[in-house]
Amino acid sequence: MKDNQAKYPHVAFPKKINKNEIGKLSIMTTNNIDEQKHIGNLFKDINRNINLTSDKVNNLKQIKKFLMQNMFI
């Protein structure tokens, strides 16, 4: 892990994007269409879950606000 930190010190939390550092990174890809579809579906499901959770949090915040406003009425 320290070797990667020495090579790419700003990869985890970059303050800015440096094309030279990004250009040194190797990214594994697949040519298998079924695997690509599976990965795409996985990201779609993750995105859907994030949106549903975000909607739920917003609804709960609205309920909390209503309850706080009407607590002593």
Protein backbone atom coordinates (compact mmCIF):
# COMPACT_ATOMS: atom_id res chain seq x y z
CA MET A 1 0.00 0.00 0.00
CA LYS A 2 2.82 2.41 0.78
CA ASP A 3 4.29 1.70 -2.65
CA ASN A 4 1.08 2.95 -4.27
CA GLN A 5 1.08 6.02 -2.05
CA ALA A 6 4.59 6.85 -3.19
CA LYS A 7 3.71 6.37 -6.87
CA TYR A 8 0.28 8.01 -6.76
CA PRO A 9 0.13 10.27 -3.72
CA HIS A 10 -3.15 11.97 -4.72
CA VAL A 11 -5.17 9.04 -6.05
CA ALA A 12 -7.44 8.47 -3.02
CA PHE A 13 -8.48 12.07 -2.38
CA PRO A 14 -7.07 14.30 -5.09
CA LYS A 15 -7.23 18.03 -4.53
CA LYS A 16 -7.17 18.46 -8.28
CA ILE A 17 -7.07 16.15 -11.26
CA ASN A 18 -3.60 15.76 -12.67
CA LYS A 19 -3.66 14.15 -16.12
CA ASN A 20 -0.08 12.93 -15.75
CA GLU A 21 -0.89 11.00 -12.58
CA ILE A 22 -4.14 9.64 -13.99
CA GLY A 23 -2.36 8.60 -17.17
CA LYS A 24 -0.07 6.35 -15.12
CA LEU A 25 -2.98 4.36 -13.67
CA SER A 26 -3.90 1.07 -15.25
CA ILE A 27 -7.60 0.30 -15.50
CA MET A 28 -8.79 -3.23 -16.05
CA THR A 29 -11.60 -3.67 -18.55
CA THR A 30 -13.40 -6.64 -19.98
CA ASN A 31 -14.38 -7.51 -23.52
CA ASN A 32 -17.06 -9.90 -22.28
CA ILE A 33 -20.42 -8.30 -23.17
CA ASP A 34 -22.33 -10.29 -20.53
CA GLU A 35 -19.91 -9.15 -17.83
CA GLN A 36 -20.21 -5.54 -19.02
CA LYS A 37 -24.02 -5.80 -18.86
CA HIS A 38 -23.79 -7.31 -15.38
CA ILE A 39 -21.53 -4.48 -14.19
CA GLY A 40 -23.84 -1.91 -15.78
CA ASN A 41 -26.86 -3.45 -14.06
CA LEU A 42 -24.99 -3.46 -10.77
CA PHE A 43 -24.27 0.26 -11.04
CA LYS A 44 -27.87 0.92 -12.10
CA ASP A 45 -29.12 -0.96 -9.01
CA ILE A 46 -26.70 0.92 -6.76
CA ASN A 47 -27.85 4.23 -8.21
CA ARG A 48 -31.51 3.26 -7.75
CA ASN A 49 -30.85 2.31 -4.12
CA ILE A 50 -29.06 5.60 -3.49
CA ASN A 51 -31.99 7.54 -4.96
CA LEU A 52 -34.55 5.57 -2.95
CA THR A 53 -32.59 6.08 0.24
CA SER A 54 -32.19 9.78 -0.50
CA ASP A 55 -35.95 10.09 -1.07
CA LYS A 56 -36.62 8.27 2.20
CA VAL A 57 -34.23 10.57 4.10
CA ASN A 58 -35.92 13.64 2.61
CA ASN A 59 -39.37 12.34 3.55
CA LEU A 60 -38.20 11.64 7.10
CA LYS A 61 -36.74 15.14 7.34
CA GLN A 62 -40.10 16.59 6.29
CA ILE A 63 -41.88 14.47 8.91
CA LYS A 64 -39.38 15.57 11.56
CA LYS A 65 -39.87 19.22 10.63
CA PHE A 66 -43.66 18.87 10.82
CA LEU A 67 -43.48 17.08 14.18
CA MET A 68 -41.08 19.65 15.63
CA GLN A 69 -43.31 22.51 14.51
CA ASN A 70 -46.39 20.89 16.04
CA MET A 71 -44.82 19.48 19.18
CA PHE A 72 -46.26 22.04 21.61
CA ILE A 73 -49.54 22.89 19.90
